[in-house]
C-alpha atoms as a PDB file:
ATOM      1  CA  MET A   1      -0.882  22.071   2.002  1.00  0.00           C
ATOM      2  CA  GLY A   2      -3.852  20.073   2.900  1.00  0.00           C
ATOM      3  CA  GLU A   3      -4.275  16.205   3.345  1.00  0.00           C
ATOM      4  CA  SER A   4      -5.253  15.697  -0.395  1.00  0.00           C
ATOM      5  CA  GLU A   5      -1.868  17.135  -1.679  1.00  0.00           C
ATOM      6  CA  ARG A   6      -0.021  14.902   1.037  1.00  0.00           C
ATOM      7  CA  CYS A   7      -1.578  11.722  -0.730  1.00  0.00           C
ATOM      8  CA  THR A   8      -1.551  13.093  -4.244  1.00  0.00           C
ATOM      9  CA  PRO A   9       1.622  11.445  -6.182  1.00  0.00           C
ATOM     10  CA  ARG A  10       3.335  13.907  -8.402  1.00  0.00           C
ATOM     11  CA  ASP A  11       5.564  11.014  -9.951  1.00  0.00           C
ATOM     12  CA  LEU A  12       5.697   7.319  -9.333  1.00  0.00           C
ATOM     13  CA  ASN A  13       8.409   5.218 -10.899  1.00  0.00           C
ATOM     14  CA  SER A  14       9.477   1.409 -10.607  1.00  0.00           C
ATOM     15  CA  PHE A  15      13.214   1.075 -10.228  1.00  0.00           C
ATOM     16  CA  PRO A  16      15.320  -1.666 -11.708  1.00  0.00           C
ATOM     17  CA  ASN A  17      16.448  -2.684  -8.299  1.00  0.00           C
ATOM     18  CA  GLY A  18      12.841  -3.678  -7.321  1.00  0.00           C
ATOM     19  CA  GLU A  19      11.983  -0.485  -5.386  1.00  0.00           C
ATOM     20  CA  ILE A  20       8.998   1.422  -5.965  1.00  0.00           C
ATOM     21  CA  GLY A  21       9.507   5.215  -5.598  1.00  0.00           C
ATOM     22  CA  ILE A  22       7.195   8.210  -5.222  1.00  0.00           C
ATOM     23  CA  VAL A  23       7.282  11.864  -5.291  1.00  0.00           C
ATOM     24  CA  TRP A  24       4.321  13.221  -3.061  1.00  0.00           C
ATOM     25  CA  GLU A  25       2.729  16.931  -3.990  1.00  0.00           C
ATOM     26  CA  ASP A  26       3.945  17.883  -0.871  1.00  0.00           C
ATOM     27  CA  GLY A  27       7.609  17.154  -2.019  1.00  0.00           C
ATOM     28  CA  HIS A  28       7.949  14.180   0.071  1.00  0.00           C
ATOM     29  CA  GLU A  29       9.816  11.191  -1.406  1.00  0.00           C
ATOM     30  CA  SER A  30       8.759   7.440  -0.534  1.00  0.00           C
ATOM     31  CA  ILE A  31      10.750   4.716  -1.426  1.00  0.00           C
ATOM     32  CA  TYR A  32       9.428   1.046  -1.041  1.00  0.00           C
ATOM     33  CA  THR A  33      11.123  -2.140  -1.616  1.00  0.00           C
ATOM     34  CA  GLY A  34       8.776  -4.722  -3.332  1.00  0.00           C
ATOM     35  CA  TYR A  35       8.810  -7.058  -0.742  1.00  0.00           C
ATOM     36  CA  TYR A  36       7.273  -4.584   1.811  1.00  0.00           C
ATOM     37  CA  LEU A  37       4.481  -3.605  -0.559  1.00  0.00           C
ATOM     38  CA  ARG A  38       3.985  -7.290  -1.619  1.00  0.00           C
ATOM     39  CA  CYS A  39       3.614  -8.304   2.450  1.00  0.00           C
ATOM     40  CA  ASN A  40       1.405  -4.997   2.978  1.00  0.00           C
ATOM     41  CA  CYS A  41      -1.329  -5.970   0.477  1.00  0.00           C
ATOM     42  CA  ASN A  42      -4.778  -5.750   2.031  1.00  0.00           C
ATOM     43  CA  CYS A  43      -6.741  -7.826  -0.673  1.00  0.00           C
ATOM     44  CA  ALA A  44      -9.168 -10.406   0.538  1.00  0.00           C
ATOM     45  CA  ALA A  45      -6.344 -13.289  -0.370  1.00  0.00           C
ATOM     46  CA  CYS A  46      -4.116 -11.303   1.870  1.00  0.00           C
ATOM     47  CA  VAL A  47      -6.389 -10.123   4.633  1.00  0.00           C
ATOM     48  CA  ASP A  48      -9.676 -11.800   5.974  1.00  0.00           C
ATOM     49  CA  GLU A  49     -12.283  -9.479   4.717  1.00  0.00           C
ATOM     50  CA  MET A  50     -14.580 -10.316   7.990  1.00  0.00           C
ATOM     51  CA  SER A  51     -11.898  -9.735  10.707  1.00  0.00           C
ATOM     52  CA  GLY A  52      -9.464  -7.551   9.237  1.00  0.00           C
ATOM     53  CA  VAL A  53      -6.625 -10.176  10.257  1.00  0.00           C
ATOM     54  CA  LYS A  54      -3.631 -10.368   7.884  1.00  0.00           C
ATOM     55  CA  ILE A  55      -3.797 -14.182   6.415  1.00  0.00           C
ATOM     56  CA  LEU A  56      -1.047 -13.769   4.325  1.00  0.00           C
ATOM     57  CA  GLU A  57       2.501 -15.273   5.750  1.00  0.00           C
ATOM     58  CA  ASN A  58       5.580 -12.709   4.960  1.00  0.00           C
ATOM     59  CA  GLU A  59       7.684 -15.962   4.858  1.00  0.00           C
ATOM     60  CA  SER A  60       5.664 -16.973   1.785  1.00  0.00           C
ATOM     61  CA  VAL A  61       6.595 -14.120  -0.243  1.00  0.00           C
ATOM     62  CA  PRO A  62       9.835 -14.597  -1.931  1.00  0.00           C
ATOM     63  CA  ARG A  63      12.610 -11.630  -0.910  1.00  0.00           C
ATOM     64  CA  ALA A  64      13.332 -10.578  -4.031  1.00  0.00           C
ATOM     65  CA  VAL A  65       9.552  -9.900  -5.251  1.00  0.00           C
ATOM     66  CA  THR A  66       9.216  -7.410  -7.912  1.00  0.00           C
ATOM     67  CA  ALA A  67       6.474  -5.170  -9.603  1.00  0.00           C
ATOM     68  CA  LYS A  68       5.800  -6.739 -13.152  1.00  0.00           C
ATOM     69  CA  GLU A  69       3.495  -4.021 -13.621  1.00  0.00           C
ATOM     70  CA  ILE A  70       1.684  -0.950 -12.225  1.00  0.00           C
ATOM     71  CA  HIS A  71      -1.614   0.237 -13.206  1.00  0.00           C
ATOM     72  CA  GLY A  72      -3.657   3.415 -12.118  1.00  0.00           C
ATOM     73  CA  VAL A  73      -6.657   2.315 -10.582  1.00  0.00           C
ATOM     74  CA  GLY A  74      -9.247   5.448 -10.695  1.00  0.00           C
ATOM     75  CA  ARG A  75      -7.809   8.640  -9.396  1.00  0.00           C
ATOM     76  CA  TYR A  76      -7.041   7.078  -5.724  1.00  0.00           C
ATOM     77  CA  GLY A  77      -4.469   4.436  -6.000  1.00  0.00           C
ATOM     78  CA  ILE A  78      -2.734   1.527  -8.199  1.00  0.00           C
ATOM     79  CA  SER A  79      -2.774  -1.889  -8.858  1.00  0.00           C
ATOM     80  CA  ILE A  80       0.849  -4.098  -8.976  1.00  0.00           C
ATOM     81  CA  ALA A  81       1.200  -7.276 -10.834  1.00  0.00           C
ATOM     82  CA  TRP A  82       4.003  -8.787  -8.815  1.00  0.00           C
ATOM     83  CA  SER A  83       6.341 -11.154  -9.903  1.00  0.00           C
ATOM     84  CA  ASP A  84       5.197 -14.203  -7.650  1.00  0.00           C
ATOM     85  CA  GLY A  85       2.228 -14.085  -9.529  1.00  0.00           C
ATOM     86  CA  HIS A  86      -0.239 -11.945  -6.967  1.00  0.00           C
ATOM     87  CA  ASP A  87      -1.848  -9.338  -8.890  1.00  0.00           C
ATOM     88  CA  THR A  88      -5.475  -8.590  -6.980  1.00  0.00           C
ATOM     89  CA  GLY A  89      -4.765  -5.995  -4.563  1.00  0.00           C
ATOM     90  CA  ILE A  90      -5.450  -2.349  -4.814  1.00  0.00           C
ATOM     91  CA  TYR A  91      -2.670   0.309  -2.997  1.00  0.00           C
ATOM     92  CA  SER A  92      -4.819   3.569  -2.283  1.00  0.00           C
ATOM     93  CA  PHE A  93      -2.425   6.796  -2.546  1.00  0.00           C
ATOM     94  CA  ASP A  94      -3.558   6.812   1.040  1.00  0.00           C
ATOM     95  CA  MET A  95      -2.449   3.449   2.294  1.00  0.00           C
ATOM     96  CA  LEU A  96       0.828   4.022   0.596  1.00  0.00           C
ATOM     97  CA  ARG A  97       1.565   7.297   2.169  1.00  0.00           C
ATOM     98  CA  LYS A  98       0.291   5.741   5.635  1.00  0.00           C
ATOM     99  CA  LEU A  99       3.188   2.757   4.631  1.00  0.00           C
ATOM    100  CA  CYS A 100       6.013   5.137   3.849  1.00  0.00           C
ATOM    101  CA  PRO A 101       8.602   3.468   5.686  1.00  0.00           C
ATOM    102  CA  CYS A 102      10.756   6.771   6.481  1.00  0.00           C
ATOM    103  CA  CYS A 103      10.998   7.812  10.004  1.00  0.00           C
ATOM    104  CA  GLU A 104       8.759  10.988   9.346  1.00  0.00           C
END
């Protein structure tokens, strides 16, 4: 499989415990906590647009943050409305695959 299949989700689920799971076209499974993804948001409110430096302080994110809504963005990613009120980030599938917390 090529890179495009590696970064194409076959299935995406939001679980009651707050985790988000993705099964990729290559069969790999990624499980993310809401806190982990929220802390890795790369929108302009969380990362300085000019310098690329993260400005979001992880300590300001509630540990129990969960996805309230998940919407597709074109064919390349998702947007997530978080329980802490934040909803401006776009998580590209490429970014999500790179953020996979497993040891692979």
